Amino acid sequence: MATGITAQALQQRLAERLSPTRLEVIDESVQHLGHAGQDGTGVGTHFRVRIDSPLFAGKPRVARHRLVYDALRDFIDAGVHALAIETS
């Protein structure tokens, strides 16, 4: 069963919550077919997020990642299995 979660939905949420200066969300689910957390559809379970935000200023990497996870919590609860997060 598909999650219905899209890269566009994650991108919109992150734009609203974190006011990024750089934002790219890539659905990498198809690369994980047959792996844990993959639902067999090839979409909506594994994402890569590349993001920079003024809210990250002075924060260590773990705190920056926590801001991203917090912004996307309901997506994670709905079936996002993996997030690869790149911040600077």
PDB file of N, CA and C in Angstrom:
ATOM      1  N   MET A   1       0.842  -1.190   0.000  1.00  0.00           N
ATOM      2  CA  MET A   1       0.000   0.000   0.000  1.00  0.00           C
ATOM      3  C   MET A   1       0.886   1.251   0.000  1.00  0.00           C
ATOM      4  N   ALA A   2       0.648   2.168  -0.899  1.00  0.00           N
ATOM      5  CA  ALA A   2       1.443   3.379  -1.051  1.00  0.00           C
ATOM      6  C   ALA A   2       1.180   4.365   0.084  1.00  0.00           C
ATOM      7  N   THR A   3       2.221   5.100   0.449  1.00  0.00           N
ATOM      8  CA  THR A   3       2.091   6.092   1.517  1.00  0.00           C
ATOM      9  C   THR A   3       1.353   7.336   1.052  1.00  0.00           C
ATOM     10  N   GLY A   4       1.430   7.649  -0.246  1.00  0.00           N
ATOM     11  CA  GLY A   4       0.837   8.873  -0.766  1.00  0.00           C
ATOM     12  C   GLY A   4       1.678  10.109  -0.476  1.00  0.00           C
ATOM     13  N   ILE A   5       2.850   9.898   0.099  1.00  0.00           N
ATOM     14  CA  ILE A   5       3.732  11.004   0.458  1.00  0.00           C
ATOM     15  C   ILE A   5       4.618  11.343  -0.737  1.00  0.00           C
ATOM     16  N   THR A   6       4.717  12.636  -1.048  1.00  0.00           N
ATOM     17  CA  THR A   6       5.507  13.074  -2.189  1.00  0.00           C
ATOM     18  C   THR A   6       6.635  14.002  -1.758  1.00  0.00           C
ATOM     19  N   ALA A   7       7.655  14.079  -2.600  1.00  0.00           N
ATOM     20  CA  ALA A   7       8.749  15.014  -2.365  1.00  0.00           C
ATOM     21  C   ALA A   7       8.213  16.438  -2.316  1.00  0.00           C
ATOM     22  N   GLN A   8       7.228  16.734  -3.152  1.00  0.00           N
ATOM     23  CA  GLN A   8       6.639  18.074  -3.183  1.00  0.00           C
ATOM     24  C   GLN A   8       5.978  18.423  -1.846  1.00  0.00           C
ATOM     25  N   ALA A   9       5.297  17.467  -1.237  1.00  0.00           N
ATOM     26  CA  ALA A   9       4.645  17.721   0.056  1.00  0.00           C
ATOM     27  C   ALA A   9       5.685  17.992   1.139  1.00  0.00           C
ATOM     28  N   LEU A  10       6.773  17.216   1.149  1.00  0.00           N
ATOM     29  CA  LEU A  10       7.834  17.448   2.123  1.00  0.00           C
ATOM     30  C   LEU A  10       8.487  18.799   1.883  1.00  0.00           C
ATOM     31  N   GLN A  11       8.711  19.125   0.616  1.00  0.00           N
ATOM     32  CA  GLN A  11       9.339  20.399   0.275  1.00  0.00           C
ATOM     33  C   GLN A  11       8.467  21.571   0.742  1.00  0.00           C
ATOM     34  N   GLN A  12       7.175  21.472   0.513  1.00  0.00           N
ATOM     35  CA  GLN A  12       6.271  22.540   0.936  1.00  0.00           C
ATOM     36  C   GLN A  12       6.298  22.720   2.456  1.00  0.00           C
ATOM     37  N   ARG A  13       6.257  21.612   3.185  1.00  0.00           N
ATOM     38  CA  ARG A  13       6.281  21.696   4.645  1.00  0.00           C
ATOM     39  C   ARG A  13       7.575  22.334   5.153  1.00  0.00           C
ATOM     40  N   LEU A  14       8.701  21.904   4.595  1.00  0.00           N
ATOM     41  CA  LEU A  14       9.979  22.459   5.032  1.00  0.00           C
ATOM     42  C   LEU A  14      10.084  23.942   4.686  1.00  0.00           C
ATOM     43  N   ALA A  15       9.567  24.334   3.529  1.00  0.00           N
ATOM     44  CA  ALA A  15       9.572  25.750   3.149  1.00  0.00           C
ATOM     45  C   ALA A  15       8.754  26.571   4.134  1.00  0.00           C
ATOM     46  N   GLU A  16       7.603  26.055   4.541  1.00  0.00           N
ATOM     47  CA  GLU A  16       6.731  26.762   5.488  1.00  0.00           C
ATOM     48  C   GLU A  16       7.350  26.883   6.871  1.00  0.00           C
ATOM     49  N   ARG A  17       7.963  25.811   7.333  1.00  0.00           N
ATOM     50  CA  ARG A  17       8.438  25.763   8.724  1.00  0.00           C
ATOM     51  C   ARG A  17       9.843  26.307   8.930  1.00  0.00           C
ATOM     52  N   LEU A  18      10.719  26.151   7.924  1.00  0.00           N
ATOM     53  CA  LEU A  18      12.130  26.478   8.142  1.00  0.00           C
ATOM     54  C   LEU A  18      12.652  27.628   7.287  1.00  0.00           C
ATOM     55  N   SER A  19      11.823  28.204   6.431  1.00  0.00           N
ATOM     56  CA  SER A  19      12.224  29.343   5.587  1.00  0.00           C
ATOM     57  C   SER A  19      13.613  29.152   4.982  1.00  0.00           C
ATOM     58  N   PRO A  20      13.806  28.082   4.231  1.00  0.00           N
ATOM     59  CA  PRO A  20      15.149  27.775   3.735  1.00  0.00           C
ATOM     60  C   PRO A  20      15.639  28.728   2.647  1.00  0.00           C
ATOM     61  N   THR A  21      16.960  28.848   2.591  1.00  0.00           N
ATOM     62  CA  THR A  21      17.605  29.585   1.516  1.00  0.00           C
ATOM     63  C   THR A  21      18.012  28.630   0.394  1.00  0.00           C
ATOM     64  N   ARG A  22      18.078  27.352   0.702  1.00  0.00           N
ATOM     65  CA  ARG A  22      18.327  26.282  -0.281  1.00  0.00           C
ATOM     66  C   ARG A  22      17.477  25.104   0.154  1.00  0.00           C
ATOM     67  N   LEU A  23      16.773  24.496  -0.799  1.00  0.00           N
ATOM     68  CA  LEU A  23      15.932  23.357  -0.463  1.00  0.00           C
ATOM     69  C   LEU A  23      15.769  22.450  -1.669  1.00  0.00           C
ATOM     70  N   GLU A  24      16.091  21.197  -1.463  1.00  0.00           N
ATOM     71  CA  GLU A  24      15.899  20.167  -2.487  1.00  0.00           C
ATOM     72  C   GLU A  24      15.443  18.899  -1.765  1.00  0.00           C
ATOM     73  N   VAL A  25      14.356  18.321  -2.231  1.00  0.00           N
ATOM     74  CA  VAL A  25      13.858  17.066  -1.677  1.00  0.00           C
ATOM     75  C   VAL A  25      13.768  16.063  -2.823  1.00  0.00           C
ATOM     76  N   ILE A  26      14.419  14.925  -2.644  1.00  0.00           N
ATOM     77  CA  ILE A  26      14.494  13.906  -3.683  1.00  0.00           C
ATOM     78  C   ILE A  26      13.903  12.606  -3.139  1.00  0.00           C
ATOM     79  N   ASP A  27      12.967  12.033  -3.876  1.00  0.00           N
ATOM     80  CA  ASP A  27      12.404  10.736  -3.508  1.00  0.00           C
ATOM     81  C   ASP A  27      13.340   9.651  -4.041  1.00  0.00           C
ATOM     82  N   GLU A  28      14.030   8.967  -3.143  1.00  0.00           N
ATOM     83  CA  GLU A  28      14.973   7.915  -3.513  1.00  0.00           C
ATOM     84  C   GLU A  28      14.391   6.524  -3.259  1.00  0.00           C
ATOM     85  N   SER A  29      13.094   6.436  -3.081  1.00  0.00           N
ATOM     86  CA  SER A  29      12.450   5.178  -2.712  1.00  0.00           C
ATOM     87  C   SER A  29      12.724   4.051  -3.700  1.00  0.00           C
ATOM     88  N   VAL A  30      12.725   4.363  -4.986  1.00  0.00           N
ATOM     89  CA  VAL A  30      12.920   3.321  -5.996  1.00  0.00           C
ATOM     90  C   VAL A  30      14.272   2.629  -5.824  1.00  0.00           C
ATOM     91  N   GLN A  31      15.248   3.326  -5.270  1.00  0.00           N
ATOM     92  CA  GLN A  31      16.571   2.746  -5.047  1.00  0.00           C
ATOM     93  C   GLN A  31      16.565   1.744  -3.895  1.00  0.00           C
ATOM     94  N   HIS A  32      15.476   1.710  -3.137  1.00  0.00           N
ATOM     95  CA  HIS A  32      15.403   0.866  -1.947  1.00  0.00           C
ATOM     96  C   HIS A  32      14.365  -0.240  -2.054  1.00  0.00           C
ATOM     97  N   LEU A  33      13.887  -0.515  -3.256  1.00  0.00           N
ATOM     98  CA  LEU A  33      12.918  -1.598  -3.444  1.00  0.00           C
ATOM     99  C   LEU A  33      13.491  -2.897  -2.895  1.00  0.00           C
ATOM    100  N   GLY A  34      12.694  -3.584  -2.103  1.00  0.00           N
ATOM    101  CA  GLY A  34      13.128  -4.830  -1.495  1.00  0.00           C
ATOM    102  C   GLY A  34      13.836  -4.663  -0.172  1.00  0.00           C
ATOM    103  N   HIS A  35      14.114  -3.428   0.234  1.00  0.00           N
ATOM    104  CA  HIS A  35      14.770  -3.167   1.514  1.00  0.00           C
ATOM    105  C   HIS A  35      13.735  -2.911   2.595  1.00  0.00           C
ATOM    106  N   ALA A  36      14.172  -2.938   3.827  1.00  0.00           N
ATOM    107  CA  ALA A  36      13.286  -2.655   4.964  1.00  0.00           C
ATOM    108  C   ALA A  36      12.658  -1.276   4.810  1.00  0.00           C
ATOM    109  N   GLY A  37      11.385  -1.182   5.141  1.00  0.00           N
ATOM    110  CA  GLY A  37      10.685   0.093   5.101  1.00  0.00           C
ATOM    111  C   GLY A  37      10.104   0.444   3.747  1.00  0.00           C
ATOM    112  N   GLN A  38      10.453  -0.292   2.713  1.00  0.00           N
ATOM    113  CA  GLN A  38       9.941  -0.019   1.367  1.00  0.00           C
ATOM    114  C   GLN A  38       8.614  -0.752   1.203  1.00  0.00           C
ATOM    115  N   ASP A  39       7.642  -0.058   0.663  1.00  0.00           N
ATOM    116  CA  ASP A  39       6.300  -0.646   0.557  1.00  0.00           C
ATOM    117  C   ASP A  39       6.031  -1.326  -0.788  1.00  0.00           C
ATOM    118  N   GLY A  40       7.047  -1.413  -1.648  1.00  0.00           N
ATOM    119  CA  GLY A  40       6.888  -2.095  -2.922  1.00  0.00           C
ATOM    120  C   GLY A  40       6.458  -1.209  -4.075  1.00  0.00           C
ATOM    121  N   THR A  41       6.137   0.056  -3.794  1.00  0.00           N
ATOM    122  CA  THR A  41       5.680   0.957  -4.855  1.00  0.00           C
ATOM    123  C   THR A  41       6.820   1.741  -5.496  1.00  0.00           C
ATOM    124  N   GLY A  42       7.935   1.901  -4.773  1.00  0.00           N
ATOM    125  CA  GLY A  42       9.048   2.684  -5.300  1.00  0.00           C
ATOM    126  C   GLY A  42       8.896   4.178  -5.106  1.00  0.00           C
ATOM    127  N   VAL A  43       7.907   4.602  -4.308  1.00  0.00           N
ATOM    128  CA  VAL A  43       7.724   6.027  -4.013  1.00  0.00           C
ATOM    129  C   VAL A  43       7.292   6.213  -2.552  1.00  0.00           C
ATOM    130  N   GLY A  44       7.646   7.379  -2.002  1.00  0.00           N
ATOM    131  CA  GLY A  44       7.076   7.819  -0.738  1.00  0.00           C
ATOM    132  C   GLY A  44       7.632   7.268   0.554  1.00  0.00           C
ATOM    133  N   THR A  45       8.774   6.564   0.522  1.00  0.00           N
ATOM    134  CA  THR A  45       9.287   6.000   1.770  1.00  0.00           C
ATOM    135  C   THR A  45      10.703   6.432   2.125  1.00  0.00           C
ATOM    136  N   HIS A  46      11.526   6.746   1.140  1.00  0.00           N
ATOM    137  CA  HIS A  46      12.923   7.120   1.358  1.00  0.00           C
ATOM    138  C   HIS A  46      13.205   8.448   0.647  1.00  0.00           C
ATOM    139  N   PHE A  47      13.657   9.437   1.403  1.00  0.00           N
ATOM    140  CA  PHE A  47      13.896  10.761   0.832  1.00  0.00           C
ATOM    141  C   PHE A  47      15.263  11.297   1.222  1.00  0.00           C
ATOM    142  N   ARG A  48      15.810  12.128   0.357  1.00  0.00           N
ATOM    143  CA  ARG A  48      17.021  12.905   0.640  1.00  0.00           C
ATOM    144  C   ARG A  48      16.604  14.365   0.682  1.00  0.00           C
ATOM    145  N   VAL A  49      17.009  15.069   1.742  1.00  0.00           N
ATOM    146  CA  VAL A  49      16.698  16.483   1.920  1.00  0.00           C
ATOM    147  C   VAL A  49      18.009  17.258   1.981  1.00  0.00           C
ATOM    148  N   ARG A  50      18.149  18.220   1.087  1.00  0.00           N
ATOM    149  CA  ARG A  50      19.285  19.144   1.110  1.00  0.00           C
ATOM    150  C   ARG A  50      18.709  20.511   1.458  1.00  0.00           C
ATOM    151  N   ILE A  51      19.130  21.052   2.598  1.00  0.00           N
ATOM    152  CA  ILE A  51      18.483  22.266   3.086  1.00  0.00           C
ATOM    153  C   ILE A  51      19.456  23.149   3.860  1.00  0.00           C
ATOM    154  N   ASP A  52      19.333  24.444   3.642  1.00  0.00           N
ATOM    155  CA  ASP A  52      20.024  25.470   4.429  1.00  0.00           C
ATOM    156  C   ASP A  52      18.953  26.435   4.907  1.00  0.00           C
ATOM    157  N   SER A  53      19.074  26.876   6.143  1.00  0.00           N
ATOM    158  CA  SER A  53      18.083  27.782   6.715  1.00  0.00           C
ATOM    159  C   SER A  53      18.753  28.717   7.709  1.00  0.00           C
ATOM    160  N   PRO A  54      18.265  29.950   7.794  1.00  0.00           N
ATOM    161  CA  PRO A  54      18.770  30.852   8.819  1.00  0.00           C
ATOM    162  C   PRO A  54      18.540  30.298  10.231  1.00  0.00           C
ATOM    163  N   LEU A  55      17.550  29.438  10.378  1.00  0.00           N
ATOM    164  CA  LEU A  55      17.268  28.833  11.682  1.00  0.00           C
ATOM    165  C   LEU A  55      18.368  27.877  12.133  1.00  0.00           C
ATOM    166  N   PHE A  56      19.246  27.493  11.222  1.00  0.00           N
ATOM    167  CA  PHE A  56      20.339  26.586  11.544  1.00  0.00           C
ATOM    168  C   PHE A  56      21.568  27.314  12.101  1.00  0.00           C
ATOM    169  N   ALA A  57      21.585  28.631  11.988  1.00  0.00           N
ATOM    170  CA  ALA A  57      22.762  29.419  12.368  1.00  0.00           C
ATOM    171  C   ALA A  57      23.195  29.114  13.801  1.00  0.00           C
ATOM    172  N   GLY A  58      24.460  28.751  13.943  1.00  0.00           N
ATOM    173  CA  GLY A  58      25.040  28.502  15.256  1.00  0.00           C
ATOM    174  C   GLY A  58      24.658  27.172  15.885  1.00  0.00           C
ATOM    175  N   LYS A  59      23.878  26.370  15.188  1.00  0.00           N
ATOM    176  CA  LYS A  59      23.427  25.095  15.750  1.00  0.00           C
ATOM    177  C   LYS A  59      24.308  23.953  15.233  1.00  0.00           C
ATOM    178  N   PRO A  60      24.589  22.990  16.084  1.00  0.00           N
ATOM    179  CA  PRO A  60      25.334  21.818  15.622  1.00  0.00           C
ATOM    180  C   PRO A  60      24.468  20.970  14.691  1.00  0.00           C
ATOM    181  N   ARG A  61      25.103  20.061  13.987  1.00  0.00           N
ATOM    182  CA  ARG A  61      24.418  19.226  13.002  1.00  0.00           C
ATOM    183  C   ARG A  61      23.219  18.485  13.599  1.00  0.00           C
ATOM    184  N   VAL A  62      23.376  17.924  14.772  1.00  0.00           N
ATOM    185  CA  VAL A  62      22.270  17.181  15.390  1.00  0.00           C
ATOM    186  C   VAL A  62      21.058  18.088  15.612  1.00  0.00           C
ATOM    187  N   ALA A  63      21.268  19.312  16.033  1.00  0.00           N
ATOM    188  CA  ALA A  63      20.158  20.252  16.252  1.00  0.00           C
ATOM    189  C   ALA A  63      19.505  20.645  14.928  1.00  0.00           C
ATOM    190  N   ARG A  64      20.307  20.817  13.877  1.00  0.00           N
ATOM    191  CA  ARG A  64      19.749  21.135  12.555  1.00  0.00           C
ATOM    192  C   ARG A  64      18.890  19.981  12.053  1.00  0.00           C
ATOM    193  N   HIS A  65      19.385  18.763  12.213  1.00  0.00           N
ATOM    194  CA  HIS A  65      18.615  17.585  11.795  1.00  0.00           C
ATOM    195  C   HIS A  65      17.330  17.458  12.599  1.00  0.00           C
ATOM    196  N   ARG A  66      17.386  17.763  13.883  1.00  0.00           N
ATOM    197  CA  ARG A  66      16.199  17.688  14.732  1.00  0.00           C
ATOM    198  C   ARG A  66      15.124  18.650  14.233  1.00  0.00           C
ATOM    199  N   LEU A  67      15.515  19.843  13.802  1.00  0.00           N
ATOM    200  CA  LEU A  67      14.547  20.797  13.253  1.00  0.00           C
ATOM    201  C   LEU A  67      13.850  20.221  12.021  1.00  0.00           C
ATOM    202  N   VAL A  68      14.613  19.544  11.176  1.00  0.00           N
ATOM    203  CA  VAL A  68      14.028  18.925   9.983  1.00  0.00           C
ATOM    204  C   VAL A  68      13.080  17.799  10.387  1.00  0.00           C
ATOM    205  N   TYR A  69      13.536  16.909  11.267  1.00  0.00           N
ATOM    206  CA  TYR A  69      12.675  15.807  11.729  1.00  0.00           C
ATOM    207  C   TYR A  69      11.393  16.334  12.375  1.00  0.00           C
ATOM    208  N   ASP A  70      11.524  17.356  13.191  1.00  0.00           N
ATOM    209  CA  ASP A  70      10.338  17.922  13.855  1.00  0.00           C
ATOM    210  C   ASP A  70       9.349  18.483  12.836  1.00  0.00           C
ATOM    211  N   ALA A  71       9.860  19.154  11.811  1.00  0.00           N
ATOM    212  CA  ALA A  71       8.983  19.723  10.774  1.00  0.00           C
ATOM    213  C   ALA A  71       8.254  18.634   9.990  1.00  0.00           C
ATOM    214  N   LEU A  72       8.873  17.452   9.882  1.00  0.00           N
ATOM    215  CA  LEU A  72       8.306  16.380   9.062  1.00  0.00           C
ATOM    216  C   LEU A  72       7.711  15.234   9.882  1.00  0.00           C
ATOM    217  N   ARG A  73       7.539  15.428  11.176  1.00  0.00           N
ATOM    218  CA  ARG A  73       7.102  14.358  12.080  1.00  0.00           C
ATOM    219  C   ARG A  73       5.856  13.626  11.582  1.00  0.00           C
ATOM    220  N   ASP A  74       4.828  14.343  11.137  1.00  0.00           N
ATOM    221  CA  ASP A  74       3.607  13.652  10.718  1.00  0.00           C
ATOM    222  C   ASP A  74       3.826  12.826   9.451  1.00  0.00           C
ATOM    223  N   PHE A  75       4.763  13.233   8.589  1.00  0.00           N
ATOM    224  CA  PHE A  75       5.095  12.427   7.410  1.00  0.00           C
ATOM    225  C   PHE A  75       5.823  11.146   7.831  1.00  0.00           C
ATOM    226  N   ILE A  76       6.704  11.273   8.803  1.00  0.00           N
ATOM    227  CA  ILE A  76       7.420  10.103   9.313  1.00  0.00           C
ATOM    228  C   ILE A  76       6.423   9.127   9.938  1.00  0.00           C
ATOM    229  N   ASP A  77       5.508   9.655  10.712  1.00  0.00           N
ATOM    230  CA  ASP A  77       4.485   8.812  11.329  1.00  0.00           C
ATOM    231  C   ASP A  77       3.581   8.148  10.290  1.00  0.00           C
ATOM    232  N   ALA A  78       3.446   8.779   9.105  1.00  0.00           N
ATOM    233  CA  ALA A  78       2.565   8.268   8.057  1.00  0.00           C
ATOM    234  C   ALA A  78       3.254   7.291   7.094  1.00  0.00           C
ATOM    235  N   GLY A  79       4.560   7.058   7.268  1.00  0.00           N
ATOM    236  CA  GLY A  79       5.194   6.058   6.426  1.00  0.00           C
ATOM    237  C   GLY A  79       6.545   6.390   5.834  1.00  0.00           C
ATOM    238  N   VAL A  80       7.066   7.593   6.039  1.00  0.00           N
ATOM    239  CA  VAL A  80       8.425   7.875   5.579  1.00  0.00           C
ATOM    240  C   VAL A  80       9.351   7.033   6.459  1.00  0.00           C
ATOM    241  N   HIS A  81      10.110   6.180   5.817  1.00  0.00           N
ATOM    242  CA  HIS A  81      10.976   5.253   6.545  1.00  0.00           C
ATOM    243  C   HIS A  81      12.376   5.828   6.771  1.00  0.00           C
ATOM    244  N   ALA A  82      12.866   6.595   5.794  1.00  0.00           N
ATOM    245  CA  ALA A  82      14.238   7.083   5.892  1.00  0.00           C
ATOM    246  C   ALA A  82      14.364   8.487   5.328  1.00  0.00           C
ATOM    247  N   LEU A  83      15.145   9.299   6.044  1.00  0.00           N
ATOM    248  CA  LEU A  83      15.477  10.655   5.592  1.00  0.00           C
ATOM    249  C   LEU A  83      16.996  10.785   5.629  1.00  0.00           C
ATOM    250  N   ALA A  84      17.582  11.093   4.495  1.00  0.00           N
ATOM    251  CA  ALA A  84      19.001  11.453   4.448  1.00  0.00           C
ATOM    252  C   ALA A  84      19.016  12.979   4.417  1.00  0.00           C
ATOM    253  N   ILE A  85      19.599  13.581   5.449  1.00  0.00           N
ATOM    254  CA  ILE A  85      19.537  15.040   5.584  1.00  0.00           C
ATOM    255  C   ILE A  85      20.932  15.631   5.397  1.00  0.00           C
ATOM    256  N   GLU A  86      21.016  16.611   4.502  1.00  0.00           N
ATOM    257  CA  GLU A  86      22.256  17.341   4.263  1.00  0.00           C
ATOM    258  C   GLU A  86      21.978  18.814   4.577  1.00  0.00           C
ATOM    259  N   THR A  87      22.682  19.343   5.571  1.00  0.00           N
ATOM    260  CA  THR A  87      22.540  20.747   5.947  1.00  0.00           C
ATOM    261  C   THR A  87      23.904  21.420   5.937  1.00  0.00           C
ATOM    262  N   SER A  88      23.863  22.743   5.909  1.00  0.00           N
ATOM    263  CA  SER A  88      25.117  23.493   6.065  1.00  0.00           C
ATOM    264  C   SER A  88      24.803  24.834   6.653  1.00  0.00           C
TER     265      SER A  88
END
